[in-house]
Amino acid sequence: MFTTIATPYFWRGIAADLSVLALTCGVVILFMFPKTMKPTGFILIAFGVICVFYSSRAILNPTSLWQFFLSISSIVGGFKLLTDRQFGG
């Protein structure tokens, strides 16, 4: 469950949602796309972290954002290992 601080301003929830989407897309780009796209993945991850600081209350229950980032990285990395057709060069 993803929650943010209750506020009458509409951009608080958008920043929290954008942080999760940006982190997820950044990790997917880092693992699944060619090396030429890796800077885009790092930019998306940095944008996700900035959105977390902007929203100031983004909480992933029952995990922290760091644990979410590690779990997405593990899932995508494991999928890449299972589907990689190139064995040993």
PDB file of N, CA and C in Angstrom:
ATOM      1  N   MET A   1       0.851  -1.174   0.000  1.00  0.00           N
ATOM      2  CA  MET A   1       0.000   0.000   0.000  1.00  0.00           C
ATOM      3  C   MET A   1       0.891   1.229   0.000  1.00  0.00           C
ATOM      4  N   PHE A   2       0.598   2.168  -0.846  1.00  0.00           N
ATOM      5  CA  PHE A   2       1.387   3.391  -0.954  1.00  0.00           C
ATOM      6  C   PHE A   2       0.573   4.547  -0.402  1.00  0.00           C
ATOM      7  N   THR A   3       1.131   5.238   0.579  1.00  0.00           N
ATOM      8  CA  THR A   3       0.403   6.332   1.210  1.00  0.00           C
ATOM      9  C   THR A   3       1.253   7.586   1.216  1.00  0.00           C
ATOM     10  N   THR A   4       0.610   8.706   1.256  1.00  0.00           N
ATOM     11  CA  THR A   4       1.286   9.983   1.411  1.00  0.00           C
ATOM     12  C   THR A   4       0.558  10.773   2.485  1.00  0.00           C
ATOM     13  N   ILE A   5       1.105  11.912   2.823  1.00  0.00           N
ATOM     14  CA  ILE A   5       0.483  12.764   3.823  1.00  0.00           C
ATOM     15  C   ILE A   5      -0.844  13.296   3.271  1.00  0.00           C
ATOM     16  N   ALA A   6      -1.828  13.384   4.149  1.00  0.00           N
ATOM     17  CA  ALA A   6      -3.125  13.930   3.734  1.00  0.00           C
ATOM     18  C   ALA A   6      -3.018  15.445   3.634  1.00  0.00           C
ATOM     19  N   THR A   7      -3.274  15.972   2.472  1.00  0.00           N
ATOM     20  CA  THR A   7      -3.145  17.400   2.250  1.00  0.00           C
ATOM     21  C   THR A   7      -4.170  17.843   1.202  1.00  0.00           C
ATOM     22  N   PRO A   8      -4.644  19.063   1.287  1.00  0.00           N
ATOM     23  CA  PRO A   8      -5.605  19.511   0.284  1.00  0.00           C
ATOM     24  C   PRO A   8      -4.968  19.818  -1.071  1.00  0.00           C
ATOM     25  N   TYR A   9      -3.650  19.873  -1.126  1.00  0.00           N
ATOM     26  CA  TYR A   9      -2.997  20.198  -2.386  1.00  0.00           C
ATOM     27  C   TYR A   9      -2.844  18.938  -3.227  1.00  0.00           C
ATOM     28  N   PHE A  10      -3.121  19.051  -4.508  1.00  0.00           N
ATOM     29  CA  PHE A  10      -3.145  17.878  -5.370  1.00  0.00           C
ATOM     30  C   PHE A  10      -1.757  17.351  -5.704  1.00  0.00           C
ATOM     31  N   TRP A  11      -0.701  18.153  -5.637  1.00  0.00           N
ATOM     32  CA  TRP A  11       0.602  17.709  -6.118  1.00  0.00           C
ATOM     33  C   TRP A  11       1.330  16.817  -5.128  1.00  0.00           C
ATOM     34  N   ARG A  12       0.889  16.702  -3.900  1.00  0.00           N
ATOM     35  CA  ARG A  12       1.554  15.820  -2.940  1.00  0.00           C
ATOM     36  C   ARG A  12       1.458  14.365  -3.376  1.00  0.00           C
ATOM     37  N   GLY A  13       0.295  13.910  -3.760  1.00  0.00           N
ATOM     38  CA  GLY A  13       0.128  12.529  -4.201  1.00  0.00           C
ATOM     39  C   GLY A  13       0.806  12.256  -5.524  1.00  0.00           C
ATOM     40  N   ILE A  14       0.824  13.251  -6.393  1.00  0.00           N
ATOM     41  CA  ILE A  14       1.460  13.092  -7.703  1.00  0.00           C
ATOM     42  C   ILE A  14       2.959  12.902  -7.542  1.00  0.00           C
ATOM     43  N   ALA A  15       3.585  13.662  -6.657  1.00  0.00           N
ATOM     44  CA  ALA A  15       5.025  13.518  -6.446  1.00  0.00           C
ATOM     45  C   ALA A  15       5.355  12.141  -5.875  1.00  0.00           C
ATOM     46  N   ALA A  16       4.533  11.630  -4.985  1.00  0.00           N
ATOM     47  CA  ALA A  16       4.776  10.305  -4.418  1.00  0.00           C
ATOM     48  C   ALA A  16       4.595   9.225  -5.476  1.00  0.00           C
ATOM     49  N   ASP A  17       3.574   9.340  -6.287  1.00  0.00           N
ATOM     50  CA  ASP A  17       3.360   8.358  -7.350  1.00  0.00           C
ATOM     51  C   ASP A  17       4.471   8.426  -8.383  1.00  0.00           C
ATOM     52  N   LEU A  18       4.892   9.624  -8.711  1.00  0.00           N
ATOM     53  CA  LEU A  18       5.977   9.786  -9.680  1.00  0.00           C
ATOM     54  C   LEU A  18       7.277   9.179  -9.172  1.00  0.00           C
ATOM     55  N   SER A  19       7.522   9.249  -7.875  1.00  0.00           N
ATOM     56  CA  SER A  19       8.756   8.681  -7.346  1.00  0.00           C
ATOM     57  C   SER A  19       8.782   7.173  -7.540  1.00  0.00           C
ATOM     58  N   VAL A  20       7.685   6.503  -7.272  1.00  0.00           N
ATOM     59  CA  VAL A  20       7.635   5.050  -7.455  1.00  0.00           C
ATOM     60  C   VAL A  20       7.747   4.688  -8.936  1.00  0.00           C
ATOM     61  N   LEU A  21       7.036   5.400  -9.784  1.00  0.00           N
ATOM     62  CA  LEU A  21       7.107   5.114 -11.219  1.00  0.00           C
ATOM     63  C   LEU A  21       8.497   5.389 -11.783  1.00  0.00           C
ATOM     64  N   ALA A  22       9.107   6.494 -11.369  1.00  0.00           N
ATOM     65  CA  ALA A  22      10.433   6.831 -11.876  1.00  0.00           C
ATOM     66  C   ALA A  22      11.474   5.820 -11.406  1.00  0.00           C
ATOM     67  N   LEU A  23      11.412   5.411 -10.138  1.00  0.00           N
ATOM     68  CA  LEU A  23      12.360   4.413  -9.646  1.00  0.00           C
ATOM     69  C   LEU A  23      12.187   3.077 -10.366  1.00  0.00           C
ATOM     70  N   THR A  24      10.959   2.660 -10.559  1.00  0.00           N
ATOM     71  CA  THR A  24      10.709   1.392 -11.235  1.00  0.00           C
ATOM     72  C   THR A  24      11.179   1.438 -12.682  1.00  0.00           C
ATOM     73  N   CYS A  25      10.840   2.491 -13.390  1.00  0.00           N
ATOM     74  CA  CYS A  25      11.271   2.619 -14.790  1.00  0.00           C
ATOM     75  C   CYS A  25      12.788   2.730 -14.890  1.00  0.00           C
ATOM     76  N   GLY A  26      13.404   3.445 -13.964  1.00  0.00           N
ATOM     77  CA  GLY A  26      14.862   3.574 -13.971  1.00  0.00           C
ATOM     78  C   GLY A  26      15.559   2.240 -13.785  1.00  0.00           C
ATOM     79  N   VAL A  27      15.061   1.423 -12.862  1.00  0.00           N
ATOM     80  CA  VAL A  27      15.659   0.108 -12.629  1.00  0.00           C
ATOM     81  C   VAL A  27      15.448  -0.794 -13.835  1.00  0.00           C
ATOM     82  N   VAL A  28      14.262  -0.755 -14.420  1.00  0.00           N
ATOM     83  CA  VAL A  28      13.996  -1.575 -15.608  1.00  0.00           C
ATOM     84  C   VAL A  28      14.914  -1.160 -16.748  1.00  0.00           C
ATOM     85  N   ILE A  29      15.119   0.122 -16.941  1.00  0.00           N
ATOM     86  CA  ILE A  29      16.008   0.594 -18.005  1.00  0.00           C
ATOM     87  C   ILE A  29      17.447   0.159 -17.736  1.00  0.00           C
ATOM     88  N   LEU A  30      17.885   0.230 -16.476  1.00  0.00           N
ATOM     89  CA  LEU A  30      19.258  -0.173 -16.167  1.00  0.00           C
ATOM     90  C   LEU A  30      19.514  -1.641 -16.500  1.00  0.00           C
ATOM     91  N   PHE A  31      18.546  -2.497 -16.262  1.00  0.00           N
ATOM     92  CA  PHE A  31      18.760  -3.921 -16.449  1.00  0.00           C
ATOM     93  C   PHE A  31      18.350  -4.441 -17.821  1.00  0.00           C
ATOM     94  N   MET A  32      17.333  -3.876 -18.419  1.00  0.00           N
ATOM     95  CA  MET A  32      16.753  -4.488 -19.612  1.00  0.00           C
ATOM     96  C   MET A  32      17.156  -3.816 -20.928  1.00  0.00           C
ATOM     97  N   PHE A  33      17.587  -2.590 -20.909  1.00  0.00           N
ATOM     98  CA  PHE A  33      17.879  -1.865 -22.138  1.00  0.00           C
ATOM     99  C   PHE A  33      19.379  -1.876 -22.422  1.00  0.00           C
ATOM    100  N   PRO A  34      19.783  -1.522 -23.626  1.00  0.00           N
ATOM    101  CA  PRO A  34      21.213  -1.499 -23.965  1.00  0.00           C
ATOM    102  C   PRO A  34      21.976  -0.464 -23.136  1.00  0.00           C
ATOM    103  N   LYS A  35      23.300  -0.577 -23.182  1.00  0.00           N
ATOM    104  CA  LYS A  35      24.155   0.304 -22.383  1.00  0.00           C
ATOM    105  C   LYS A  35      24.002   1.781 -22.749  1.00  0.00           C
ATOM    106  N   THR A  36      23.561   2.058 -23.944  1.00  0.00           N
ATOM    107  CA  THR A  36      23.398   3.457 -24.339  1.00  0.00           C
ATOM    108  C   THR A  36      22.249   4.133 -23.591  1.00  0.00           C
ATOM    109  N   MET A  37      21.340   3.344 -23.030  1.00  0.00           N
ATOM    110  CA  MET A  37      20.191   3.896 -22.294  1.00  0.00           C
ATOM    111  C   MET A  37      20.449   4.011 -20.792  1.00  0.00           C
ATOM    112  N   LYS A  38      21.600   3.540 -20.293  1.00  0.00           N
ATOM    113  CA  LYS A  38      21.871   3.543 -18.861  1.00  0.00           C
ATOM    114  C   LYS A  38      21.846   4.935 -18.243  1.00  0.00           C
ATOM    115  N   PRO A  39      22.362   5.982 -18.897  1.00  0.00           N
ATOM    116  CA  PRO A  39      22.227   7.323 -18.291  1.00  0.00           C
ATOM    117  C   PRO A  39      20.771   7.737 -18.076  1.00  0.00           C
ATOM    118  N   THR A  40      19.889   7.312 -18.971  1.00  0.00           N
ATOM    119  CA  THR A  40      18.467   7.618 -18.792  1.00  0.00           C
ATOM    120  C   THR A  40      17.929   6.931 -17.544  1.00  0.00           C
ATOM    121  N   GLY A  41      18.349   5.699 -17.290  1.00  0.00           N
ATOM    122  CA  GLY A  41      17.935   4.990 -16.087  1.00  0.00           C
ATOM    123  C   GLY A  41      18.396   5.694 -14.828  1.00  0.00           C
ATOM    124  N   PHE A  42      19.651   6.160 -14.818  1.00  0.00           N
ATOM    125  CA  PHE A  42      20.155   6.882 -13.651  1.00  0.00           C
ATOM    126  C   PHE A  42      19.433   8.217 -13.458  1.00  0.00           C
ATOM    127  N   ILE A  43      19.092   8.866 -14.550  1.00  0.00           N
ATOM    128  CA  ILE A  43      18.346  10.129 -14.458  1.00  0.00           C
ATOM    129  C   ILE A  43      16.966   9.880 -13.861  1.00  0.00           C
ATOM    130  N   LEU A  44      16.293   8.807 -14.286  1.00  0.00           N
ATOM    131  CA  LEU A  44      14.978   8.484 -13.729  1.00  0.00           C
ATOM    132  C   LEU A  44      15.060   8.133 -12.245  1.00  0.00           C
ATOM    133  N   ILE A  45      16.101   7.414 -11.842  1.00  0.00           N
ATOM    134  CA  ILE A  45      16.270   7.091 -10.428  1.00  0.00           C
ATOM    135  C   ILE A  45      16.512   8.362  -9.621  1.00  0.00           C
ATOM    136  N   ALA A  46      17.347   9.257 -10.129  1.00  0.00           N
ATOM    137  CA  ALA A  46      17.584  10.531  -9.439  1.00  0.00           C
ATOM    138  C   ALA A  46      16.299  11.358  -9.365  1.00  0.00           C
ATOM    139  N   PHE A  47      15.512  11.357 -10.443  1.00  0.00           N
ATOM    140  CA  PHE A  47      14.238  12.075 -10.436  1.00  0.00           C
ATOM    141  C   PHE A  47      13.290  11.491  -9.392  1.00  0.00           C
ATOM    142  N   GLY A  48      13.280  10.166  -9.255  1.00  0.00           N
ATOM    143  CA  GLY A  48      12.443   9.530  -8.243  1.00  0.00           C
ATOM    144  C   GLY A  48      12.844   9.927  -6.834  1.00  0.00           C
ATOM    145  N   VAL A  49      14.136  10.003  -6.578  1.00  0.00           N
ATOM    146  CA  VAL A  49      14.615  10.420  -5.257  1.00  0.00           C
ATOM    147  C   VAL A  49      14.254  11.880  -4.999  1.00  0.00           C
ATOM    148  N   ILE A  50      14.379  12.728  -6.001  1.00  0.00           N
ATOM    149  CA  ILE A  50      14.005  14.140  -5.847  1.00  0.00           C
ATOM    150  C   ILE A  50      12.509  14.265  -5.567  1.00  0.00           C
ATOM    151  N   CYS A  51      11.698  13.461  -6.227  1.00  0.00           N
ATOM    152  CA  CYS A  51      10.249  13.492  -5.965  1.00  0.00           C
ATOM    153  C   CYS A  51       9.921  13.078  -4.541  1.00  0.00           C
ATOM    154  N   VAL A  52      10.681  12.146  -3.986  1.00  0.00           N
ATOM    155  CA  VAL A  52      10.461  11.747  -2.596  1.00  0.00           C
ATOM    156  C   VAL A  52      10.739  12.931  -1.672  1.00  0.00           C
ATOM    157  N   PHE A  53      11.832  13.640  -1.911  1.00  0.00           N
ATOM    158  CA  PHE A  53      12.133  14.795  -1.072  1.00  0.00           C
ATOM    159  C   PHE A  53      11.121  15.918  -1.285  1.00  0.00           C
ATOM    160  N   TYR A  54      10.618  16.042  -2.492  1.00  0.00           N
ATOM    161  CA  TYR A  54       9.631  17.082  -2.784  1.00  0.00           C
ATOM    162  C   TYR A  54       8.310  16.803  -2.081  1.00  0.00           C
ATOM    163  N   SER A  55       7.875  15.535  -2.082  1.00  0.00           N
ATOM    164  CA  SER A  55       6.605  15.209  -1.442  1.00  0.00           C
ATOM    165  C   SER A  55       6.737  15.152   0.074  1.00  0.00           C
ATOM    166  N   SER A  56       7.917  14.948   0.582  1.00  0.00           N
ATOM    167  CA  SER A  56       8.305  15.001   1.993  1.00  0.00           C
ATOM    168  C   SER A  56       7.660  13.946   2.873  1.00  0.00           C
ATOM    169  N   ARG A  57       6.715  13.193   2.400  1.00  0.00           N
ATOM    170  CA  ARG A  57       6.088  12.184   3.240  1.00  0.00           C
ATOM    171  C   ARG A  57       5.744  10.917   2.451  1.00  0.00           C
ATOM    172  N   ALA A  58       6.550  10.546   1.511  1.00  0.00           N
ATOM    173  CA  ALA A  58       6.265   9.326   0.748  1.00  0.00           C
ATOM    174  C   ALA A  58       6.696   8.129   1.575  1.00  0.00           C
ATOM    175  N   ILE A  59       5.762   7.226   1.856  1.00  0.00           N
ATOM    176  CA  ILE A  59       6.028   6.048   2.661  1.00  0.00           C
ATOM    177  C   ILE A  59       5.457   4.842   1.935  1.00  0.00           C
ATOM    178  N   LEU A  60       6.260   3.830   1.789  1.00  0.00           N
ATOM    179  CA  LEU A  60       5.764   2.563   1.262  1.00  0.00           C
ATOM    180  C   LEU A  60       5.526   1.656   2.459  1.00  0.00           C
ATOM    181  N   ASN A  61       4.301   1.329   2.725  1.00  0.00           N
ATOM    182  CA  ASN A  61       3.982   0.458   3.859  1.00  0.00           C
ATOM    183  C   ASN A  61       3.919  -0.971   3.381  1.00  0.00           C
ATOM    184  N   PRO A  62       4.458  -1.911   4.048  1.00  0.00           N
ATOM    185  CA  PRO A  62       5.245  -1.889   5.272  1.00  0.00           C
ATOM    186  C   PRO A  62       6.747  -1.806   5.026  1.00  0.00           C
ATOM    187  N   THR A  63       7.190  -1.388   3.850  1.00  0.00           N
ATOM    188  CA  THR A  63       8.619  -1.303   3.542  1.00  0.00           C
ATOM    189  C   THR A  63       9.019   0.149   3.329  1.00  0.00           C
ATOM    190  N   SER A  64      10.307   0.385   3.429  1.00  0.00           N
ATOM    191  CA  SER A  64      10.829   1.715   3.135  1.00  0.00           C
ATOM    192  C   SER A  64      11.062   1.831   1.627  1.00  0.00           C
ATOM    193  N   LEU A  65      11.310   3.038   1.167  1.00  0.00           N
ATOM    194  CA  LEU A  65      11.568   3.247  -0.256  1.00  0.00           C
ATOM    195  C   LEU A  65      12.852   2.538  -0.669  1.00  0.00           C
ATOM    196  N   TRP A  66      13.839   2.490   0.222  1.00  0.00           N
ATOM    197  CA  TRP A  66      15.092   1.811  -0.074  1.00  0.00           C
ATOM    198  C   TRP A  66      14.858   0.314  -0.276  1.00  0.00           C
ATOM    199  N   GLN A  67      14.052  -0.310   0.577  1.00  0.00           N
ATOM    200  CA  GLN A  67      13.744  -1.725   0.430  1.00  0.00           C
ATOM    201  C   GLN A  67      12.961  -1.985  -0.853  1.00  0.00           C
ATOM    202  N   PHE A  68      12.066  -1.064  -1.207  1.00  0.00           N
ATOM    203  CA  PHE A  68      11.323  -1.189  -2.461  1.00  0.00           C
ATOM    204  C   PHE A  68      12.273  -1.134  -3.646  1.00  0.00           C
ATOM    205  N   PHE A  69      13.222  -0.205  -3.622  1.00  0.00           N
ATOM    206  CA  PHE A  69      14.209  -0.073  -4.688  1.00  0.00           C
ATOM    207  C   PHE A  69      15.029  -1.354  -4.817  1.00  0.00           C
ATOM    208  N   LEU A  70      15.481  -1.914  -3.705  1.00  0.00           N
ATOM    209  CA  LEU A  70      16.261  -3.149  -3.741  1.00  0.00           C
ATOM    210  C   LEU A  70      15.430  -4.329  -4.244  1.00  0.00           C
ATOM    211  N   SER A  71      14.167  -4.388  -3.857  1.00  0.00           N
ATOM    212  CA  SER A  71      13.341  -5.509  -4.305  1.00  0.00           C
ATOM    213  C   SER A  71      13.045  -5.420  -5.797  1.00  0.00           C
ATOM    214  N   ILE A  72      12.765  -4.224  -6.305  1.00  0.00           N
ATOM    215  CA  ILE A  72      12.555  -4.062  -7.748  1.00  0.00           C
ATOM    216  C   ILE A  72      13.831  -4.416  -8.505  1.00  0.00           C
ATOM    217  N   SER A  73      14.991  -3.988  -7.983  1.00  0.00           N
ATOM    218  CA  SER A  73      16.263  -4.322  -8.623  1.00  0.00           C
ATOM    219  C   SER A  73      16.480  -5.830  -8.652  1.00  0.00           C
ATOM    220  N   SER A  74      16.154  -6.508  -7.562  1.00  0.00           N
ATOM    221  CA  SER A  74      16.326  -7.957  -7.497  1.00  0.00           C
ATOM    222  C   SER A  74      15.382  -8.682  -8.456  1.00  0.00           C
ATOM    223  N   ILE A  75      14.146  -8.221  -8.525  1.00  0.00           N
ATOM    224  CA  ILE A  75      13.171  -8.856  -9.415  1.00  0.00           C
ATOM    225  C   ILE A  75      13.593  -8.695 -10.874  1.00  0.00           C
ATOM    226  N   VAL A  76      13.948  -7.489 -11.258  1.00  0.00           N
ATOM    227  CA  VAL A  76      14.323  -7.239 -12.651  1.00  0.00           C
ATOM    228  C   VAL A  76      15.646  -7.923 -12.981  1.00  0.00           C
ATOM    229  N   GLY A  77      16.610  -7.883 -12.048  1.00  0.00           N
ATOM    230  CA  GLY A  77      17.887  -8.562 -12.273  1.00  0.00           C
ATOM    231  C   GLY A  77      17.729 -10.065 -12.397  1.00  0.00           C
ATOM    232  N   GLY A  78      16.888 -10.662 -11.554  1.00  0.00           N
ATOM    233  CA  GLY A  78      16.635 -12.094 -11.652  1.00  0.00           C
ATOM    234  C   GLY A  78      15.939 -12.466 -12.948  1.00  0.00           C
ATOM    235  N   PHE A  79      14.989 -11.646 -13.355  1.00  0.00           N
ATOM    236  CA  PHE A  79      14.308 -11.886 -14.634  1.00  0.00           C
ATOM    237  C   PHE A  79      15.302 -11.809 -15.785  1.00  0.00           C
ATOM    238  N   LYS A  80      16.202 -10.849 -15.722  1.00  0.00           N
ATOM    239  CA  LYS A  80      17.212 -10.699 -16.773  1.00  0.00           C
ATOM    240  C   LYS A  80      18.139 -11.911 -16.810  1.00  0.00           C
ATOM    241  N   LEU A  81      18.507 -12.425 -15.636  1.00  0.00           N
ATOM    242  CA  LEU A  81      19.361 -13.616 -15.598  1.00  0.00           C
ATOM    243  C   LEU A  81      18.645 -14.838 -16.180  1.00  0.00           C
ATOM    244  N   LEU A  82      17.364 -14.967 -15.913  1.00  0.00           N
ATOM    245  CA  LEU A  82      16.617 -16.119 -16.415  1.00  0.00           C
ATOM    246  C   LEU A  82      16.352 -16.049 -17.910  1.00  0.00           C
ATOM    247  N   THR A  83      16.206 -14.853 -18.447  1.00  0.00           N
ATOM    248  CA  THR A  83      15.854 -14.722 -19.857  1.00  0.00           C
ATOM    249  C   THR A  83      17.043 -14.403 -20.752  1.00  0.00           C
ATOM    250  N   ASP A  84      18.231 -14.250 -20.200  1.00  0.00           N
ATOM    251  CA  ASP A  84      19.401 -13.929 -21.000  1.00  0.00           C
ATOM    252  C   ASP A  84      19.811 -15.150 -21.811  1.00  0.00           C
ATOM    253  N   ARG A  85      19.924 -14.985 -23.121  1.00  0.00           N
ATOM    254  CA  ARG A  85      20.244 -16.087 -24.025  1.00  0.00           C
ATOM    255  C   ARG A  85      21.749 -16.250 -24.228  1.00  0.00           C
ATOM    256  N   GLN A  86      22.535 -15.311 -23.765  1.00  0.00           N
ATOM    257  CA  GLN A  86      23.958 -15.322 -24.029  1.00  0.00           C
ATOM    258  C   GLN A  86      24.672 -15.926 -22.813  1.00  0.00           C
ATOM    259  N   PHE A  87      25.241 -17.099 -22.963  1.00  0.00           N
ATOM    260  CA  PHE A  87      25.925 -17.771 -21.867  1.00  0.00           C
ATOM    261  C   PHE A  87      27.427 -17.753 -22.112  1.00  0.00           C
ATOM    262  N   GLY A  88      28.141 -16.940 -21.369  1.00  0.00           N
ATOM    263  CA  GLY A  88      29.597 -16.951 -21.407  1.00  0.00           C
ATOM    264  C   GLY A  88      30.237 -16.399 -22.652  1.00  0.00           C
ATOM    265  N   GLY A  89      29.710 -15.299 -23.185  1.00  0.00           N
ATOM    266  CA  GLY A  89      30.371 -14.589 -24.243  1.00  0.00           C
ATOM    267  C   GLY A  89      30.090 -15.037 -25.583  1.00  0.00           C
TER     268      GLY A  89
END
